[in-house]
N, C-alpha and C. Protein backbone atom coordinates (compact mmCIF):
# COMPACT_ATOMS: atom_id res chain seq x y z
N UNK A 1 -13.41 2.96 -2.75
CA UNK A 1 -12.36 3.60 -3.38
C UNK A 1 -12.14 2.91 -4.70
N UNK A 2 -12.53 1.68 -4.97
CA UNK A 2 -12.40 0.93 -6.02
C UNK A 2 -12.32 1.52 -7.91
N UNK A 3 -13.02 2.85 -7.59
CA UNK A 3 -13.21 3.32 -8.90
C UNK A 3 -12.05 4.50 -9.36
N UNK A 4 -11.14 5.06 -8.38
CA UNK A 4 -10.27 5.69 -8.86
C UNK A 4 -8.62 5.00 -9.29
N UNK A 5 -8.28 4.95 -10.72
CA UNK A 5 -7.45 4.90 -11.08
C UNK A 5 -6.89 5.45 -12.16
N UNK A 6 -6.75 5.24 -13.39
CA UNK A 6 -6.38 5.48 -14.83
C UNK A 6 -5.68 6.71 -14.74
N UNK A 7 -4.07 6.41 -14.67
CA UNK A 7 -3.35 7.76 -13.88
C UNK A 7 -4.37 8.68 -13.34
N UNK A 8 -5.32 7.90 -12.62
CA UNK A 8 -6.29 8.74 -12.11
C UNK A 8 -5.42 9.24 -10.63
N UNK A 9 -4.00 9.14 -10.51
CA UNK A 9 -3.88 9.63 -9.27
C UNK A 9 -4.49 10.73 -8.69
N UNK A 10 -5.26 10.89 -8.09
CA UNK A 10 -5.99 12.29 -7.13
C UNK A 10 -5.48 12.73 -6.58
N UNK A 11 -4.59 12.06 -5.74
CA UNK A 11 -3.92 12.25 -4.28
C UNK A 11 -2.44 12.05 -4.84
N UNK A 12 -1.61 13.27 -4.60
CA UNK A 12 0.11 12.89 -4.55
C UNK A 12 0.29 11.55 -3.70
N UNK A 13 1.31 10.92 -4.47
CA UNK A 13 2.12 10.46 -3.83
C UNK A 13 3.33 10.52 -3.59
N UNK A 14 4.21 9.69 -2.02
CA UNK A 14 4.77 10.35 -1.11
C UNK A 14 5.91 9.16 -1.20
N UNK A 15 7.24 9.47 -1.67
CA UNK A 15 8.21 8.63 -0.96
C UNK A 15 8.11 8.41 0.51
N UNK A 16 8.35 6.88 0.32
CA UNK A 16 8.20 6.49 2.11
C UNK A 16 9.30 5.01 2.29
N UNK A 17 9.38 5.15 3.32
CA UNK A 17 10.23 4.04 3.99
C UNK A 17 9.25 3.41 5.21
N UNK A 18 9.33 1.70 4.91
CA UNK A 18 8.61 0.92 5.44
C UNK A 18 8.53 -0.76 4.49
N UNK A 19 7.88 -1.29 4.94
CA UNK A 19 7.68 -2.77 4.75
C UNK A 19 6.27 -3.04 4.50
N UNK A 20 5.85 -4.04 3.98
CA UNK A 20 5.04 -4.54 3.81
C UNK A 20 4.60 -6.38 3.77
N UNK A 21 4.03 -6.83 4.33
CA UNK A 21 3.80 -8.60 3.90
C UNK A 21 2.54 -8.52 3.15
N UNK A 22 2.12 -9.82 2.62
CA UNK A 22 0.95 -10.02 2.17
C UNK A 22 0.27 -11.04 3.22
N UNK A 23 -0.57 -10.81 3.80
CA UNK A 23 -1.30 -11.55 4.86
C UNK A 23 -1.66 -12.64 4.17
N UNK A 24 -1.40 -13.97 4.84
CA UNK A 24 -2.00 -14.89 4.31
C UNK A 24 -2.04 -16.13 5.40
N UNK A 25 -1.65 -17.15 5.34
CA UNK A 25 -1.58 -18.24 6.44
C UNK A 25 -0.63 -17.50 7.30
N UNK A 26 0.40 -17.17 7.03
CA UNK A 26 1.67 -16.74 7.61
C UNK A 26 2.29 -15.49 7.22
N UNK A 27 3.23 -14.69 7.53
CA UNK A 27 4.08 -13.77 7.24
C UNK A 27 4.98 -14.37 6.14
N UNK A 28 5.00 -14.01 5.12
CA UNK A 28 5.89 -14.17 4.05
C UNK A 28 7.17 -13.59 4.14
N UNK A 29 8.10 -13.29 3.18
CA UNK A 29 9.22 -12.45 3.31
C UNK A 29 8.56 -10.67 2.93
N UNK A 30 9.10 -10.05 3.98
CA UNK A 30 9.15 -8.45 3.65
C UNK A 30 8.92 -7.93 2.28
N UNK A 31 8.64 -6.90 1.90
CA UNK A 31 8.81 -6.22 0.54
C UNK A 31 8.82 -4.60 1.37
N UNK A 32 9.62 -3.69 0.41
CA UNK A 32 9.66 -2.38 0.47
C UNK A 32 8.20 -1.57 0.06
N UNK A 33 7.58 -0.62 1.01
CA UNK A 33 6.64 0.35 0.47
C UNK A 33 7.92 1.10 -0.42
N UNK A 34 7.48 1.55 -1.45
CA UNK A 34 8.55 2.53 -2.45
C UNK A 34 7.32 4.02 -2.24
N UNK A 35 6.43 4.13 -2.48
CA UNK A 35 5.23 5.24 -2.31
C UNK A 35 4.29 5.03 -1.43
N UNK A 36 3.55 5.93 -1.27
CA UNK A 36 2.30 5.80 -0.42
C UNK A 36 1.10 7.26 -0.69
N UNK A 37 0.15 6.68 -0.94
CA UNK A 37 -1.07 8.08 -0.94
C UNK A 37 -2.23 7.42 -0.23
N UNK A 38 -2.92 8.56 -0.64
CA UNK A 38 -4.33 7.87 0.57
C UNK A 38 -5.13 7.05 -0.09
N UNK A 39 -4.83 6.80 -1.72
CA UNK A 39 -5.89 6.21 -2.35
C UNK A 39 -5.02 4.97 -2.65
N UNK A 40 -3.59 4.56 -2.37
CA UNK A 40 -2.66 3.49 -2.56
C UNK A 40 -1.40 3.71 -2.45
N UNK A 41 -0.54 2.39 -3.27
CA UNK A 41 1.00 2.50 -2.81
C UNK A 41 1.52 2.01 -4.46
N UNK A 42 2.69 1.91 -3.73
CA UNK A 42 3.83 1.09 -5.07
C UNK A 42 4.59 0.46 -3.90
N UNK A 43 4.15 -1.08 -4.33
CA UNK A 43 5.36 -1.82 -3.41
C UNK A 43 6.44 -2.58 -4.29
N UNK A 44 7.59 -2.64 -3.52
CA UNK A 44 8.44 -3.53 -4.10
C UNK A 44 7.82 -4.82 -4.45
N UNK A 45 7.82 -5.80 -5.72
CA UNK A 45 7.70 -7.24 -5.82
C UNK A 45 8.92 -7.89 -5.07
N UNK A 46 8.19 -8.98 -4.32
CA UNK A 46 9.13 -10.03 -3.40
C UNK A 46 9.27 -11.28 -4.37
N UNK A 47 10.31 -11.51 -4.57
CA UNK A 47 10.29 -13.08 -5.25
C UNK A 47 9.60 -14.01 -4.62
N UNK A 48 8.93 -14.90 -5.81
CA UNK A 48 8.13 -16.08 -5.10
C UNK A 48 6.72 -15.24 -4.42
N UNK A 49 5.93 -14.42 -4.25
CA UNK A 49 5.10 -13.73 -4.63
C UNK A 49 4.05 -14.31 -5.44
N UNK A 50 2.77 -14.65 -5.36
CA UNK A 50 2.12 -15.13 -5.83
C UNK A 50 0.66 -14.06 -6.22
N UNK A 51 1.22 -13.29 -7.00
CA UNK A 51 0.16 -12.18 -6.85
C UNK A 51 0.23 -11.55 -8.16
N UNK A 52 -1.31 -11.23 -8.63
CA UNK A 52 -1.80 -11.02 -10.33
C UNK A 52 -2.43 -9.82 -10.04
N UNK A 53 -2.46 -9.04 -11.48
CA UNK A 53 -3.22 -7.77 -11.39
C UNK A 53 -4.39 -8.38 -11.44
N UNK A 54 -5.24 -7.32 -10.94
CA UNK A 54 -6.76 -7.38 -10.75
C UNK A 54 -7.10 -8.34 -9.59
N UNK A 55 -6.10 -8.87 -8.96
CA UNK A 55 -6.76 -9.66 -7.84
C UNK A 55 -6.70 -8.89 -6.66
N UNK A 56 -7.51 -9.08 -5.49
CA UNK A 56 -7.71 -8.52 -4.34
C UNK A 56 -6.80 -9.54 -3.12
N UNK A 57 -6.07 -8.51 -2.16
CA UNK A 57 -5.36 -9.27 -1.25
C UNK A 57 -5.24 -8.38 -0.17
N UNK A 58 -4.84 -8.67 1.27
CA UNK A 58 -4.81 -7.73 2.01
C UNK A 58 -3.05 -8.01 2.38
N UNK A 59 -2.75 -6.77 2.84
CA UNK A 59 -1.46 -6.06 3.01
C UNK A 59 -1.19 -5.84 4.32
N UNK A 60 -0.10 -5.91 4.78
CA UNK A 60 -0.20 -5.35 6.43
C UNK A 60 1.18 -4.73 5.88
N UNK A 61 0.99 -3.17 6.01
CA UNK A 61 1.67 -2.08 6.11
C UNK A 61 2.07 -1.58 7.29
N UNK A 62 3.78 -1.71 7.56
CA UNK A 62 4.68 -1.10 8.75
C UNK A 62 5.44 -0.12 8.64
N UNK A 63 4.94 0.99 8.78
CA UNK A 63 5.92 2.23 8.60
C UNK A 63 6.87 2.71 9.81
N UNK A 64 7.97 3.35 9.97
CA UNK A 64 8.61 3.70 11.35
C UNK A 64 7.67 4.56 11.87
N UNK A 65 7.84 4.41 13.52
CA UNK A 65 7.20 5.28 14.20
C UNK A 65 5.27 5.11 14.00
N UNK A 66 4.75 4.47 13.55
CA UNK A 66 3.61 4.04 13.08
C UNK A 66 2.91 2.62 13.45
N UNK A 67 1.89 2.64 14.08
CA UNK A 67 1.41 1.18 14.51
C UNK A 67 1.22 0.70 12.67
N UNK A 68 1.39 -0.92 12.71
CA UNK A 68 0.78 -1.30 11.56
C UNK A 68 -0.60 -1.39 11.08
N UNK A 69 -0.69 -1.30 10.04
CA UNK A 69 -2.42 -1.16 9.94
C UNK A 69 -2.24 -2.29 8.48
N UNK A 70 -3.36 -2.69 8.10
CA UNK A 70 -3.92 -3.58 7.28
C UNK A 70 -5.11 -3.21 6.22
N UNK A 71 -4.47 -3.30 4.70
CA UNK A 71 -5.51 -3.01 3.79
C UNK A 71 -5.82 -4.01 2.98
N UNK A 72 -6.94 -3.86 2.78
CA UNK A 72 -7.67 -4.59 1.57
C UNK A 72 -7.54 -3.99 0.18
N UNK A 73 -6.49 -4.30 -0.37
CA UNK A 73 -5.96 -3.73 -1.98
C UNK A 73 -6.42 -4.48 -2.74
N UNK A 74 -6.14 -3.95 -4.26
CA UNK A 74 -6.47 -4.10 -5.71
C UNK A 74 -5.75 -3.98 -6.24
N UNK A 75 -4.82 -4.97 -7.01
CA UNK A 75 -3.44 -4.91 -7.67
C UNK A 75 -3.84 -4.53 -8.88
N UNK A 76 -3.03 -3.60 -9.26
CA UNK A 76 -3.71 -2.70 -10.41
C UNK A 76 -3.01 -3.27 -11.51
N UNK A 77 -1.49 -3.13 -11.04
CA UNK A 77 -0.41 -3.88 -12.10
C UNK A 77 0.66 -4.54 -11.29
N UNK A 78 1.59 -5.23 -12.34
CA UNK A 78 3.01 -5.36 -11.61
C UNK A 78 4.13 -5.44 -12.79
N UNK A 79 4.65 -4.26 -13.06
CA UNK A 79 5.34 -3.91 -13.68
C UNK A 79 6.88 -3.71 -13.31
N UNK A 80 7.88 -4.34 -14.01
CA UNK A 80 9.29 -4.22 -13.31
C UNK A 80 9.51 -4.13 -12.18
N UNK A 81 9.09 -5.53 -11.49
CA UNK A 81 9.38 -5.52 -10.02
C UNK A 81 8.80 -4.87 -8.72
N UNK A 82 7.54 -3.56 -9.90
CA UNK A 82 6.96 -3.18 -8.36
C UNK A 82 5.58 -3.39 -8.99
N UNK A 83 4.76 -3.16 -7.56
CA UNK A 83 3.28 -3.90 -7.47
C UNK A 83 2.25 -2.44 -7.37
N UNK A 84 1.60 -2.05 -8.00
CA UNK A 84 0.91 -0.85 -7.89
C UNK A 84 -0.64 -1.37 -7.80
N UNK A 85 -0.76 -0.70 -6.19
CA UNK A 85 -2.06 -1.31 -5.51
C UNK A 85 -3.12 0.08 -5.10
N UNK A 86 -4.03 -0.29 -5.14
CA UNK A 86 -5.22 0.66 -4.75
C UNK A 86 -5.78 0.23 -3.58
N UNK A 87 -5.90 1.04 -2.62
CA UNK A 87 -6.74 0.94 -1.30
C UNK A 87 -8.07 0.15 -1.71
N UNK A 88 -8.75 -0.52 -1.11
CA UNK A 88 -9.99 -0.99 -1.73
C UNK A 88 -11.12 -0.97 -0.42
N UNK A 89 -10.35 -1.15 0.78
CA UNK A 89 -10.87 -1.51 2.31
C UNK A 89 -9.94 -1.48 3.54
N UNK A 90 -10.55 -0.34 4.07
CA UNK A 90 -9.73 -0.82 5.47
C UNK A 90 -10.81 0.17 6.54
N UNK A 91 -10.06 -0.98 7.81
CA UNK A 91 -11.26 -0.29 9.01
C UNK A 91 -10.85 1.43 9.21
N UNK A 92 -11.88 2.26 10.19
CA UNK A 92 -11.64 3.49 10.47
C UNK A 92 -10.17 3.49 11.09
N UNK A 93 -9.75 2.80 12.17
CA UNK A 93 -8.87 3.06 12.65
C UNK A 93 -7.47 3.22 11.70
N UNK A 94 -7.53 2.06 10.85
CA UNK A 94 -6.59 2.17 9.80
C UNK A 94 -6.51 3.30 8.78
N UNK A 95 -7.56 3.53 8.66
CA UNK A 95 -7.66 4.56 7.52
C UNK A 95 -7.09 5.98 8.87
N UNK A 96 -7.04 6.18 9.58
CA UNK A 96 -6.56 7.28 10.24
C UNK A 96 -5.38 7.06 10.50
N UNK A 97 -4.74 5.93 10.67
CA UNK A 97 -3.49 5.73 10.78
C UNK A 97 -2.72 6.27 9.36
N UNK A 98 -3.16 5.51 8.24
CA UNK A 98 -2.79 6.03 6.90
C UNK A 98 -3.00 7.50 6.59
N UNK A 99 -4.24 8.16 7.06
CA UNK A 99 -4.20 9.53 6.75
C UNK A 99 -3.48 10.39 7.71
N UNK A 100 -2.89 9.97 9.10
CA UNK A 100 -2.10 10.49 9.65
C UNK A 100 -0.65 10.81 8.99
N UNK A 101 -0.36 9.38 8.61
CA UNK A 101 1.44 9.21 7.51
C UNK A 101 0.92 10.42 6.43
N UNK A 102 -0.05 10.69 5.76
CA UNK A 102 -0.25 11.50 4.41
C UNK A 102 -0.21 12.92 4.81
N UNK A 103 -1.08 13.11 6.17
CA UNK A 103 -0.78 14.12 6.78
C UNK A 103 0.60 15.02 7.03
N UNK A 104 1.37 13.87 7.71
CA UNK A 104 2.81 13.90 7.93
C UNK A 104 3.73 14.65 7.02
N UNK A 105 3.72 13.97 6.21
CA UNK A 105 4.54 14.10 4.64
C UNK A 105 3.85 15.63 3.98
N UNK A 106 2.71 15.72 4.02
CA UNK A 106 2.05 16.90 3.51
C UNK A 106 2.81 18.35 4.08
N UNK A 107 2.86 17.90 5.21
CA UNK A 107 3.43 18.91 6.35
C UNK A 107 5.08 19.25 6.06
N UNK A 108 5.69 18.27 5.77
CA UNK A 108 7.24 18.17 6.18
C UNK A 108 7.90 19.11 4.19
N UNK A 109 6.64 19.16 3.54
CA UNK A 109 6.96 19.66 2.13
C UNK A 109 7.33 20.82 2.26
């Protein structure tokens, strides 16, 4: 998935409500998930997060009615309190959860 970006949004993004945590030694403060696609997400930047464009981190995404899932993400940009991430790697089980969420959004349109 690492090669897709450049307003390279090849998949539509859907506004969503949910929270995320950066996975580290413990759960920090949660941030909001602003939108989501099969390739990435826009996240609210949380004060005190030590994140940099170009770095990779694991995030735990939690959306209503769905099991939490973990994604290895590449931070594409951080601008005006928003973090654009590209999904880089996740387990097949977690990708299935993401795909179901996207499918639900597509059907509700």
